[in-house]
Amino acid sequence: MALNSNVTEFILFGLTQDAGKQKAIFGVFLMFYLATLLGNFLIVATIKTSRTLGSPMYFFLLHLSFADACLSTTIAPRLIVDALSQKRTISYSECMTQVFAAHFFGCMGVFVLILMAFDRYVAICKPLRYTIIMSHHVCHVLMILGWVGSCIHSSAQLFLALRLPFCGPNVIDHYFCDLQPLLKLACMDTYVINLLVVSNSGAICMVSFIILLISYVVILYSLRNHSAEGRRKALSTCTSHFIVVVLFFGPCIFMYTRPATTFTIDKMVAVFYTIGTPLLNPLIYTLRNAEVKNAMKKLWCSQV
C-alpha cells in the first residue's frame, strides 16, 4: 500500500505523445543507451585490467564511469520501453525507487567530479606531496565518504517524496519520476517541501559547482610556474574535467535551484544530464587521454 497516498501507480507522459516521434525516440535512445553502457564499462574494464592506469585519477574515473552507467540504467530503459508502449504505468514503489536511484547515482557523479578536481589540484599545486596526500588508503576513504554522502542525499529526497499525498491526477508530465513533477500532483501545499528540495539538491549543485570553479582557477593560476610541456599536459586533463563539469552542472543547476515552476524545455534539459552526460563522459575522457586510449588498444589486442 502506498504511504500517504490513494494512488498506487502513476502514468508517465514521456517526452511526447506523437506516435511517429515515439518510434524515433525508441531508436535514438536505445542507441544512446547501448553506447553509454559500452563506453562506460569499457573504461571500467580498461582501468581494472591495466597496470599503467593505477593513479588516483583513474581510480576516480572508474567510479565516475560506474555511476554514469548506473544513472543511465535507472532512467533510459523505461524511456525506451515506454516509447513503444500504450500503457506507460509505473507503480508507486517503482517510482519511489527511481527517485532514490537517480539522485543516488547523480550525487555520486557530483562527488567523484569534486574528488577528481581535488586530485588534479594536489598533482599540479603540491607535486612533491602528491603520493602522500593521495595514497591508496586516502582515495578509498574519500570514495567511501562519497558513497555515504550520496546515500544521505538520496534518502532525504526519498523521505520528501514519501511525505507527498496523492489523491487526484496520477499523470506525471515527465519521462521518469523526480520530485519536481511529483510536487505538481501532490494534494497539499508543497511550498515548504519545494524549499527543502532546493536547499538539498539545489545547494549541492551550486556549492559543488562553485568549489569546482575555484579549484580550476587555482590550478590555472599555479600553472604559470610550470614548463610549457607541463602546462600543456595539465591543461589537457583539466579541460576534459571542466567540459564534463559544465555539461553536468549547467542542466542540474537549471532544474534544482529554482522555485516550483515548470518550463516546456525541462524534459529536454533533463535528457541532457540523465542521458547525454553519461554518454559523453567516456568520449571526453578517452578521446582527450592518450594513456586511456593506449590501455584500451592493449586490452582489445589481448582479447583478439
C-alpha atoms as a PDB file:
ATOM      1  CA  MET A   1       0.000   0.000   0.000  1.00  0.00           C
ATOM      2  CA  ALA A   2       1.383   3.415  -0.916  1.00  0.00           C
ATOM      3  CA  LEU A   3       2.448   5.585   2.002  1.00  0.00           C
ATOM      4  CA  ASN A   4       0.418   8.811   2.399  1.00  0.00           C
ATOM      5  CA  SER A   5      -1.365   8.170  -0.890  1.00  0.00           C
ATOM      6  CA  ASN A   6      -4.536   6.870  -2.531  1.00  0.00           C
ATOM      7  CA  VAL A   7      -2.592   6.424  -5.773  1.00  0.00           C
ATOM      8  CA  THR A   8      -0.925   3.019  -6.312  1.00  0.00           C
ATOM      9  CA  GLU A   9       0.513   3.754  -9.756  1.00  0.00           C
ATOM     10  CA  PHE A  10       1.438   6.690 -11.975  1.00  0.00           C
ATOM     11  CA  ILE A  11       1.278   7.232 -15.732  1.00  0.00           C
ATOM     12  CA  LEU A  12       4.436   8.671 -17.287  1.00  0.00           C
ATOM     13  CA  PHE A  13       3.613  11.195 -20.010  1.00  0.00           C
ATOM     14  CA  GLY A  14       7.003  10.640 -21.657  1.00  0.00           C
ATOM     15  CA  LEU A  15       8.844  13.011 -23.968  1.00  0.00           C
ATOM     16  CA  THR A  16       5.980  13.222 -26.480  1.00  0.00           C
ATOM     17  CA  GLN A  17       2.583  11.748 -27.358  1.00  0.00           C
ATOM     18  CA  ASP A  18       3.293  11.829 -31.127  1.00  0.00           C
ATOM     19  CA  ALA A  19       3.327   8.209 -32.425  1.00  0.00           C
ATOM     20  CA  GLY A  20       5.877   8.971 -35.173  1.00  0.00           C
ATOM     21  CA  LYS A  21       8.232  10.722 -32.779  1.00  0.00           C
ATOM     22  CA  GLN A  22       7.899   7.883 -30.268  1.00  0.00           C
ATOM     23  CA  LYS A  23       9.381   5.426 -32.787  1.00  0.00           C
ATOM     24  CA  ALA A  24      12.280   7.820 -33.398  1.00  0.00           C
ATOM     25  CA  ILE A  25      12.769   8.198 -29.626  1.00  0.00           C
ATOM     26  CA  PHE A  26      12.885   4.394 -29.284  1.00  0.00           C
ATOM     27  CA  GLY A  27      15.610   4.027 -31.922  1.00  0.00           C
ATOM     28  CA  VAL A  28      17.706   7.031 -30.915  1.00  0.00           C
ATOM     29  CA  PHE A  29      17.653   6.448 -27.162  1.00  0.00           C
ATOM     30  CA  LEU A  30      18.212   2.692 -27.497  1.00  0.00           C
ATOM     31  CA  MET A  31      21.354   3.512 -29.486  1.00  0.00           C
ATOM     32  CA  PHE A  32      22.392   6.153 -26.921  1.00  0.00           C
ATOM     33  CA  TYR A  33      21.854   3.748 -24.018  1.00  0.00           C
ATOM     34  CA  LEU A  34      23.816   0.875 -25.568  1.00  0.00           C
ATOM     35  CA  ALA A  35      26.657   3.276 -26.454  1.00  0.00           C
ATOM     36  CA  THR A  36      26.630   4.608 -22.862  1.00  0.00           C
ATOM     37  CA  LEU A  37      26.903   1.101 -21.393  1.00  0.00           C
ATOM     38  CA  LEU A  38      29.598   0.086 -23.875  1.00  0.00           C
ATOM     39  CA  GLY A  39      31.681   3.237 -23.333  1.00  0.00           C
ATOM     40  CA  ASN A  40      31.475   3.312 -19.550  1.00  0.00           C
ATOM     41  CA  PHE A  41      32.029  -0.398 -18.995  1.00  0.00           C
ATOM     42  CA  LEU A  42      34.927  -0.323 -21.467  1.00  0.00           C
ATOM     43  CA  ILE A  43      36.542   2.364 -19.294  1.00  0.00           C
ATOM     44  CA  VAL A  44      35.855   0.316 -16.132  1.00  0.00           C
ATOM     45  CA  ALA A  45      37.332  -2.856 -17.719  1.00  0.00           C
ATOM     46  CA  THR A  46      40.359  -0.961 -19.086  1.00  0.00           C
ATOM     47  CA  ILE A  47      41.229   0.670 -15.750  1.00  0.00           C
ATOM     48  CA  LYS A  48      40.645  -2.583 -13.844  1.00  0.00           C
ATOM     49  CA  THR A  49      42.941  -4.627 -16.109  1.00  0.00           C
ATOM     50  CA  SER A  50      45.610  -2.058 -16.989  1.00  0.00           C
ATOM     51  CA  ARG A  51      48.826  -1.823 -14.972  1.00  0.00           C
ATOM     52  CA  THR A  52      49.596   1.663 -16.288  1.00  0.00           C
ATOM     53  CA  LEU A  53      46.318   3.238 -15.103  1.00  0.00           C
ATOM     54  CA  GLY A  54      46.838   2.838 -11.360  1.00  0.00           C
ATOM     55  CA  SER A  55      46.917   6.512 -10.370  1.00  0.00           C
ATOM     56  CA  PRO A  56      44.149   8.104  -8.245  1.00  0.00           C
ATOM     57  CA  MET A  57      42.812   9.990 -11.288  1.00  0.00           C
ATOM     58  CA  TYR A  58      41.897   6.707 -12.991  1.00  0.00           C
ATOM     59  CA  PHE A  59      40.595   5.218  -9.743  1.00  0.00           C
ATOM     60  CA  PHE A  60      38.104   8.105  -9.582  1.00  0.00           C
ATOM     61  CA  LEU A  61      37.371   7.862 -13.326  1.00  0.00           C
ATOM     62  CA  LEU A  62      36.414   4.200 -12.816  1.00  0.00           C
ATOM     63  CA  HIS A  63      33.862   5.213 -10.178  1.00  0.00           C
ATOM     64  CA  LEU A  64      32.537   8.043 -12.384  1.00  0.00           C
ATOM     65  CA  SER A  65      32.007   5.615 -15.274  1.00  0.00           C
ATOM     66  CA  PHE A  66      30.257   3.139 -12.981  1.00  0.00           C
ATOM     67  CA  ALA A  67      27.975   5.887 -11.578  1.00  0.00           C
ATOM     68  CA  ASP A  68      27.204   7.130 -15.120  1.00  0.00           C
ATOM     69  CA  ALA A  69      26.277   3.633 -16.329  1.00  0.00           C
ATOM     70  CA  CYS A  70      24.011   3.122 -13.299  1.00  0.00           C
ATOM     71  CA  LEU A  71      22.375   6.576 -13.669  1.00  0.00           C
ATOM     72  CA  SER A  72      21.617   5.865 -17.328  1.00  0.00           C
ATOM     73  CA  THR A  73      20.252   2.409 -16.423  1.00  0.00           C
ATOM     74  CA  THR A  74      17.968   3.993 -13.826  1.00  0.00           C
ATOM     75  CA  ILE A  75      16.368   6.272 -16.450  1.00  0.00           C
ATOM     76  CA  ALA A  76      16.897   5.093 -20.050  1.00  0.00           C
ATOM     77  CA  PRO A  77      15.362   1.563 -20.195  1.00  0.00           C
ATOM     78  CA  ARG A  78      11.912   2.774 -19.081  1.00  0.00           C
ATOM     79  CA  LEU A  79      12.056   5.715 -21.507  1.00  0.00           C
ATOM     80  CA  ILE A  80      12.924   3.289 -24.338  1.00  0.00           C
ATOM     81  CA  VAL A  81      10.225   0.731 -23.462  1.00  0.00           C
ATOM     82  CA  ASP A  82       7.573   3.427 -22.896  1.00  0.00           C
ATOM     83  CA  ALA A  83       8.275   4.870 -26.359  1.00  0.00           C
ATOM     84  CA  LEU A  84       6.617   1.779 -27.904  1.00  0.00           C
ATOM     85  CA  SER A  85       4.143   1.050 -25.112  1.00  0.00           C
ATOM     86  CA  GLN A  86       0.495   2.072 -24.982  1.00  0.00           C
ATOM     87  CA  LYS A  87       0.370   1.702 -21.197  1.00  0.00           C
ATOM     88  CA  ARG A  88       3.103   3.799 -19.572  1.00  0.00           C
ATOM     89  CA  THR A  89       2.313   2.997 -15.959  1.00  0.00           C
ATOM     90  CA  ILE A  90       4.843   2.851 -13.138  1.00  0.00           C
ATOM     91  CA  SER A  91       3.910   1.567  -9.681  1.00  0.00           C
ATOM     92  CA  TYR A  92       4.210   3.824  -6.634  1.00  0.00           C
ATOM     93  CA  SER A  93       7.072   1.737  -5.204  1.00  0.00           C
ATOM     94  CA  GLU A  94       8.918   1.670  -8.557  1.00  0.00           C
ATOM     95  CA  CYS A  95       8.522   5.437  -8.811  1.00  0.00           C
ATOM     96  CA  MET A  96       9.999   5.975  -5.317  1.00  0.00           C
ATOM     97  CA  THR A  97      12.842   3.578  -6.143  1.00  0.00           C
ATOM     98  CA  GLN A  98      13.610   5.589  -9.283  1.00  0.00           C
ATOM     99  CA  VAL A  99      13.660   8.846  -7.278  1.00  0.00           C
ATOM    100  CA  PHE A 100      16.183   7.303  -4.856  1.00  0.00           C
ATOM    101  CA  ALA A 101      18.385   5.664  -7.507  1.00  0.00           C
ATOM    102  CA  ALA A 102      18.508   8.688  -9.839  1.00  0.00           C
ATOM    103  CA  HIS A 103      19.573  11.018  -7.019  1.00  0.00           C
ATOM    104  CA  PHE A 104      21.978   8.454  -5.554  1.00  0.00           C
ATOM    105  CA  PHE A 105      23.970   7.896  -8.750  1.00  0.00           C
ATOM    106  CA  GLY A 106      23.637  11.532  -9.838  1.00  0.00           C
ATOM    107  CA  CYS A 107      25.012  12.741  -6.498  1.00  0.00           C
ATOM    108  CA  MET A 108      27.750  10.103  -6.707  1.00  0.00           C
ATOM    109  CA  GLY A 109      28.825  11.640 -10.009  1.00  0.00           C
ATOM    110  CA  VAL A 110      28.970  15.075  -8.342  1.00  0.00           C
ATOM    111  CA  PHE A 111      31.193  13.814  -5.519  1.00  0.00           C
ATOM    112  CA  VAL A 112      33.511  11.988  -7.933  1.00  0.00           C
ATOM    113  CA  LEU A 113      33.947  15.130 -10.075  1.00  0.00           C
ATOM    114  CA  ILE A 114      34.935  17.053  -6.919  1.00  0.00           C
ATOM    115  CA  LEU A 115      37.429  14.322  -5.967  1.00  0.00           C
ATOM    116  CA  MET A 116      38.896  14.365  -9.498  1.00  0.00           C
ATOM    117  CA  ALA A 117      39.352  18.149  -9.269  1.00  0.00           C
ATOM    118  CA  PHE A 118      40.994  17.758  -5.843  1.00  0.00           C
ATOM    119  CA  ASP A 119      43.321  15.105  -7.277  1.00  0.00           C
ATOM    120  CA  ARG A 120      44.387  17.452 -10.111  1.00  0.00           C
ATOM    121  CA  TYR A 121      44.868  20.304  -7.619  1.00  0.00           C
ATOM    122  CA  VAL A 122      47.221  18.193  -5.473  1.00  0.00           C
ATOM    123  CA  ALA A 123      49.064  16.814  -8.539  1.00  0.00           C
ATOM    124  CA  ILE A 124      49.694  20.273 -10.016  1.00  0.00           C
ATOM    125  CA  CYS A 125      49.984  22.501  -6.928  1.00  0.00           C
ATOM    126  CA  LYS A 126      51.655  20.087  -4.474  1.00  0.00           C
ATOM    127  CA  PRO A 127      53.521  17.578  -6.674  1.00  0.00           C
ATOM    128  CA  LEU A 128      56.158  16.658  -4.063  1.00  0.00           C
ATOM    129  CA  ARG A 129      53.495  15.603  -1.542  1.00  0.00           C
ATOM    130  CA  TYR A 130      51.141  14.032  -4.080  1.00  0.00           C
ATOM    131  CA  THR A 131      51.856  10.366  -3.271  1.00  0.00           C
ATOM    132  CA  ILE A 132      51.421  11.038   0.469  1.00  0.00           C
ATOM    133  CA  ILE A 133      48.228  13.096   0.211  1.00  0.00           C
ATOM    134  CA  MET A 134      46.604  10.902  -2.464  1.00  0.00           C
ATOM    135  CA  SER A 135      47.611   7.499  -1.123  1.00  0.00           C
ATOM    136  CA  HIS A 136      45.501   4.427  -1.915  1.00  0.00           C
ATOM    137  CA  HIS A 137      44.097   4.471   1.622  1.00  0.00           C
ATOM    138  CA  VAL A 138      43.070   8.135   1.363  1.00  0.00           C
ATOM    139  CA  CYS A 139      41.443   7.583  -2.055  1.00  0.00           C
ATOM    140  CA  HIS A 140      39.396   4.644  -0.772  1.00  0.00           C
ATOM    141  CA  VAL A 141      38.287   6.606   2.313  1.00  0.00           C
ATOM    142  CA  LEU A 142      37.271   9.574   0.119  1.00  0.00           C
ATOM    143  CA  MET A 143      35.244   7.277  -2.153  1.00  0.00           C
ATOM    144  CA  ILE A 144      33.502   5.655   0.828  1.00  0.00           C
ATOM    145  CA  LEU A 145      32.596   9.144   2.080  1.00  0.00           C
ATOM    146  CA  GLY A 146      31.237   9.895  -1.414  1.00  0.00           C
ATOM    147  CA  TRP A 147      29.014   6.803  -1.382  1.00  0.00           C
ATOM    148  CA  VAL A 148      27.786   7.591   2.150  1.00  0.00           C
ATOM    149  CA  GLY A 149      27.116  11.249   1.229  1.00  0.00           C
ATOM    150  CA  SER A 150      25.166  10.151  -1.863  1.00  0.00           C
ATOM    151  CA  CYS A 151      23.097   7.769   0.234  1.00  0.00           C
ATOM    152  CA  ILE A 152      22.263  10.537   2.742  1.00  0.00           C
ATOM    153  CA  HIS A 153      21.249  12.935  -0.054  1.00  0.00           C
ATOM    154  CA  SER A 154      19.070  10.425  -1.923  1.00  0.00           C
ATOM    155  CA  SER A 155      17.496   9.189   1.330  1.00  0.00           C
ATOM    156  CA  ALA A 156      16.492  12.784   2.108  1.00  0.00           C
ATOM    157  CA  GLN A 157      14.923  13.103  -1.369  1.00  0.00           C
ATOM    158  CA  LEU A 158      13.085   9.804  -0.918  1.00  0.00           C
ATOM    159  CA  PHE A 159      11.816  10.903   2.503  1.00  0.00           C
ATOM    160  CA  LEU A 160      10.385  14.100   0.970  1.00  0.00           C
ATOM    161  CA  ALA A 161       8.757  12.110  -1.861  1.00  0.00           C
ATOM    162  CA  LEU A 162       7.187   9.638   0.582  1.00  0.00           C
ATOM    163  CA  ARG A 163       5.669  12.539   2.529  1.00  0.00           C
ATOM    164  CA  LEU A 164       3.668  13.679  -0.517  1.00  0.00           C
ATOM    165  CA  PRO A 165      -0.024  12.654  -0.501  1.00  0.00           C
ATOM    166  CA  PHE A 166      -1.546  11.807  -3.917  1.00  0.00           C
ATOM    167  CA  CYS A 167      -5.313  11.703  -4.181  1.00  0.00           C
ATOM    168  CA  GLY A 168      -6.170  13.049  -7.635  1.00  0.00           C
ATOM    169  CA  PRO A 169      -4.478  13.030 -11.059  1.00  0.00           C
ATOM    170  CA  ASN A 170      -1.688  10.484 -11.444  1.00  0.00           C
ATOM    171  CA  VAL A 171      -0.198  11.527 -14.812  1.00  0.00           C
ATOM    172  CA  ILE A 172       3.453  12.610 -14.390  1.00  0.00           C
ATOM    173  CA  ASP A 173       4.385  15.136 -17.076  1.00  0.00           C
ATOM    174  CA  HIS A 174       7.883  13.678 -17.422  1.00  0.00           C
ATOM    175  CA  TYR A 175       9.670  10.554 -18.648  1.00  0.00           C
ATOM    176  CA  PHE A 176      10.890   9.494 -15.178  1.00  0.00           C
ATOM    177  CA  CYS A 177       9.937  10.014 -11.531  1.00  0.00           C
ATOM    178  CA  ASP A 178      11.518  13.059  -9.922  1.00  0.00           C
ATOM    179  CA  LEU A 179      10.436  15.369  -7.135  1.00  0.00           C
ATOM    180  CA  GLN A 180       9.564  18.405  -9.281  1.00  0.00           C
ATOM    181  CA  PRO A 181       6.878  16.663 -11.400  1.00  0.00           C
ATOM    182  CA  LEU A 182       5.637  14.753  -8.332  1.00  0.00           C
ATOM    183  CA  LEU A 183       5.193  18.022  -6.408  1.00  0.00           C
ATOM    184  CA  LYS A 184       2.719  19.166  -9.081  1.00  0.00           C
ATOM    185  CA  LEU A 185       0.498  16.126  -8.392  1.00  0.00           C
ATOM    186  CA  ALA A 186       0.528  16.301  -4.585  1.00  0.00           C
ATOM    187  CA  CYS A 187      -2.749  17.335  -2.952  1.00  0.00           C
ATOM    188  CA  MET A 188      -1.129  19.614  -0.366  1.00  0.00           C
ATOM    189  CA  ASP A 189       0.717  22.914  -0.168  1.00  0.00           C
ATOM    190  CA  THR A 190       4.206  21.956  -1.413  1.00  0.00           C
ATOM    191  CA  TYR A 191       5.929  25.313  -0.724  1.00  0.00           C
ATOM    192  CA  VAL A 192       7.946  24.035   2.262  1.00  0.00           C
ATOM    193  CA  ILE A 193       8.869  20.733   0.571  1.00  0.00           C
ATOM    194  CA  ASN A 194       9.989  22.619  -2.527  1.00  0.00           C
ATOM    195  CA  LEU A 195      12.228  24.807  -0.347  1.00  0.00           C
ATOM    196  CA  LEU A 196      13.714  21.636   1.155  1.00  0.00           C
ATOM    197  CA  VAL A 197      14.320  20.197  -2.344  1.00  0.00           C
ATOM    198  CA  VAL A 198      16.066  23.410  -3.429  1.00  0.00           C
ATOM    199  CA  SER A 199      18.127  23.517  -0.223  1.00  0.00           C
ATOM    200  CA  ASN A 200      19.111  19.851  -0.724  1.00  0.00           C
ATOM    201  CA  SER A 201      19.623  19.216  -4.461  1.00  0.00           C
ATOM    202  CA  GLY A 202      19.976  22.883  -5.425  1.00  0.00           C
ATOM    203  CA  ALA A 203      22.540  23.622  -2.725  1.00  0.00           C
ATOM    204  CA  ILE A 204      24.599  20.542  -3.597  1.00  0.00           C
ATOM    205  CA  CYS A 205      24.666  21.567  -7.281  1.00  0.00           C
ATOM    206  CA  MET A 206      25.542  25.233  -6.650  1.00  0.00           C
ATOM    207  CA  VAL A 207      28.105  24.684  -3.873  1.00  0.00           C
ATOM    208  CA  SER A 208      29.803  21.853  -5.792  1.00  0.00           C
ATOM    209  CA  PHE A 209      29.938  23.922  -8.986  1.00  0.00           C
ATOM    210  CA  ILE A 210      31.447  26.920  -7.141  1.00  0.00           C
ATOM    211  CA  ILE A 211      34.026  24.670  -5.425  1.00  0.00           C
ATOM    212  CA  LEU A 212      34.982  23.164  -8.776  1.00  0.00           C
ATOM    213  CA  LEU A 213      35.273  26.584 -10.451  1.00  0.00           C
ATOM    214  CA  ILE A 214      37.508  27.894  -7.645  1.00  0.00           C
ATOM    215  CA  SER A 215      39.696  24.779  -7.787  1.00  0.00           C
ATOM    216  CA  TYR A 216      40.223  25.156 -11.548  1.00  0.00           C
ATOM    217  CA  VAL A 217      41.031  28.873 -11.182  1.00  0.00           C
ATOM    218  CA  VAL A 218      43.652  27.988  -8.541  1.00  0.00           C
ATOM    219  CA  ILE A 219      45.063  25.232 -10.773  1.00  0.00           C
ATOM    220  CA  LEU A 220      45.288  27.549 -13.807  1.00  0.00           C
ATOM    221  CA  TYR A 221      46.959  30.256 -11.690  1.00  0.00           C
ATOM    222  CA  SER A 222      49.572  27.815 -10.376  1.00  0.00           C
ATOM    223  CA  LEU A 223      50.386  26.551 -13.900  1.00  0.00           C
ATOM    224  CA  ARG A 224      52.246  29.795 -14.680  1.00  0.00           C
ATOM    225  CA  ASN A 225      55.292  28.358 -12.868  1.00  0.00           C
ATOM    226  CA  HIS A 226      55.346  25.114 -14.887  1.00  0.00           C
ATOM    227  CA  SER A 227      57.211  24.295 -18.068  1.00  0.00           C
ATOM    228  CA  ALA A 228      55.464  24.578 -21.437  1.00  0.00           C
ATOM    229  CA  GLU A 229      55.117  20.771 -21.672  1.00  0.00           C
ATOM    230  CA  GLY A 230      53.823  20.528 -18.101  1.00  0.00           C
ATOM    231  CA  ARG A 231      51.285  23.294 -18.760  1.00  0.00           C
ATOM    232  CA  ARG A 232      50.103  21.601 -21.962  1.00  0.00           C
ATOM    233  CA  LYS A 233      49.568  18.220 -20.276  1.00  0.00           C
ATOM    234  CA  ALA A 234      47.862  19.730 -17.205  1.00  0.00           C
ATOM    235  CA  LEU A 235      45.620  21.944 -19.347  1.00  0.00           C
ATOM    236  CA  SER A 236      44.588  18.976 -21.496  1.00  0.00           C
ATOM    237  CA  THR A 237      43.486  16.987 -18.432  1.00  0.00           C
ATOM    238  CA  CYS A 238      41.801  19.935 -16.714  1.00  0.00           C
ATOM    239  CA  THR A 239      39.972  20.917 -19.919  1.00  0.00           C
ATOM    240  CA  SER A 240      38.409  17.423 -20.112  1.00  0.00           C
ATOM    241  CA  HIS A 241      37.302  17.689 -16.487  1.00  0.00           C
ATOM    242  CA  PHE A 242      35.936  21.207 -16.932  1.00  0.00           C
ATOM    243  CA  ILE A 243      33.886  20.243 -20.039  1.00  0.00           C
ATOM    244  CA  VAL A 244      32.264  17.401 -18.060  1.00  0.00           C
ATOM    245  CA  VAL A 245      31.596  19.725 -15.098  1.00  0.00           C
ATOM    246  CA  VAL A 246      29.849  22.353 -17.268  1.00  0.00           C
ATOM    247  CA  LEU A 247      27.800  19.744 -19.188  1.00  0.00           C
ATOM    248  CA  PHE A 248      26.604  18.124 -15.965  1.00  0.00           C
ATOM    249  CA  PHE A 249      26.120  21.069 -13.612  1.00  0.00           C
ATOM    250  CA  GLY A 250      24.562  23.512 -16.099  1.00  0.00           C
ATOM    251  CA  PRO A 251      21.322  21.493 -16.523  1.00  0.00           C
ATOM    252  CA  CYS A 252      21.289  20.410 -12.836  1.00  0.00           C
ATOM    253  CA  ILE A 253      21.501  23.994 -11.590  1.00  0.00           C
ATOM    254  CA  PHE A 254      18.739  24.991 -14.021  1.00  0.00           C
ATOM    255  CA  MET A 255      16.462  22.212 -12.734  1.00  0.00           C
ATOM    256  CA  TYR A 256      17.062  22.235  -8.964  1.00  0.00           C
ATOM    257  CA  THR A 257      17.819  25.815  -7.878  1.00  0.00           C
ATOM    258  CA  ARG A 258      14.534  27.479  -8.788  1.00  0.00           C
ATOM    259  CA  PRO A 259      11.033  27.712  -7.274  1.00  0.00           C
ATOM    260  CA  ALA A 260       8.337  25.134  -8.080  1.00  0.00           C
ATOM    261  CA  THR A 261       7.743  26.249 -11.654  1.00  0.00           C
ATOM    262  CA  THR A 262       7.912  24.139 -14.798  1.00  0.00           C
ATOM    263  CA  PHE A 263       9.040  25.122 -18.285  1.00  0.00           C
ATOM    264  CA  THR A 264       8.447  23.405 -21.621  1.00  0.00           C
ATOM    265  CA  ILE A 265      12.179  22.735 -22.020  1.00  0.00           C
ATOM    266  CA  ASP A 266      12.516  20.980 -18.633  1.00  0.00           C
ATOM    267  CA  LYS A 267      12.313  17.497 -20.140  1.00  0.00           C
ATOM    268  CA  MET A 268      14.940  18.261 -22.789  1.00  0.00           C
ATOM    269  CA  VAL A 269      17.238  19.748 -20.130  1.00  0.00           C
ATOM    270  CA  ALA A 270      16.723  16.609 -18.010  1.00  0.00           C
ATOM    271  CA  VAL A 271      17.618  14.435 -21.031  1.00  0.00           C
ATOM    272  CA  PHE A 272      20.944  16.248 -21.159  1.00  0.00           C
ATOM    273  CA  TYR A 273      22.128  15.279 -17.667  1.00  0.00           C
ATOM    274  CA  THR A 274      20.366  11.892 -17.340  1.00  0.00           C
ATOM    275  CA  ILE A 275      21.139  10.501 -20.832  1.00  0.00           C
ATOM    276  CA  GLY A 276      23.571  12.904 -22.540  1.00  0.00           C
ATOM    277  CA  THR A 277      26.264  13.364 -19.900  1.00  0.00           C
ATOM    278  CA  PRO A 278      26.704   9.617 -19.139  1.00  0.00           C
ATOM    279  CA  LEU A 279      27.107   9.096 -22.909  1.00  0.00           C
ATOM    280  CA  LEU A 280      29.558  11.979 -23.447  1.00  0.00           C
ATOM    281  CA  ASN A 281      31.805  11.353 -20.423  1.00  0.00           C
ATOM    282  CA  PRO A 282      33.531   8.235 -21.875  1.00  0.00           C
ATOM    283  CA  LEU A 283      34.097  10.056 -25.185  1.00  0.00           C
ATOM    284  CA  ILE A 284      35.560  13.143 -23.481  1.00  0.00           C
ATOM    285  CA  TYR A 285      37.861  11.151 -21.188  1.00  0.00           C
ATOM    286  CA  THR A 286      39.082   8.701 -23.854  1.00  0.00           C
ATOM    287  CA  LEU A 287      39.454  10.950 -26.898  1.00  0.00           C
ATOM    288  CA  ARG A 288      41.477  13.503 -24.910  1.00  0.00           C
ATOM    289  CA  ASN A 289      43.585  10.990 -22.963  1.00  0.00           C
ATOM    290  CA  ALA A 290      46.412   9.120 -24.710  1.00  0.00           C
ATOM    291  CA  GLU A 291      47.054   6.823 -21.708  1.00  0.00           C
ATOM    292  CA  VAL A 292      43.469   5.555 -21.667  1.00  0.00           C
ATOM    293  CA  LYS A 293      43.432   5.084 -25.468  1.00  0.00           C
ATOM    294  CA  ASN A 294      46.700   3.092 -25.381  1.00  0.00           C
ATOM    295  CA  ALA A 295      45.436   0.926 -22.494  1.00  0.00           C
ATOM    296  CA  MET A 296      42.198   0.254 -24.410  1.00  0.00           C
ATOM    297  CA  LYS A 297      44.182  -0.786 -27.506  1.00  0.00           C
ATOM    298  CA  LYS A 298      46.234  -3.213 -25.394  1.00  0.00           C
ATOM    299  CA  LEU A 299      43.065  -4.643 -23.805  1.00  0.00           C
ATOM    300  CA  TRP A 300      41.422  -5.029 -27.223  1.00  0.00           C
ATOM    301  CA  CYS A 301      44.527  -6.637 -28.790  1.00  0.00           C
ATOM    302  CA  SER A 302      44.916  -9.071 -25.898  1.00  0.00           C
ATOM    303  CA  GLN A 303      41.259 -10.145 -26.252  1.00  0.00           C
ATOM    304  CA  VAL A 304      41.528 -10.525 -30.036  1.00  0.00           C
END
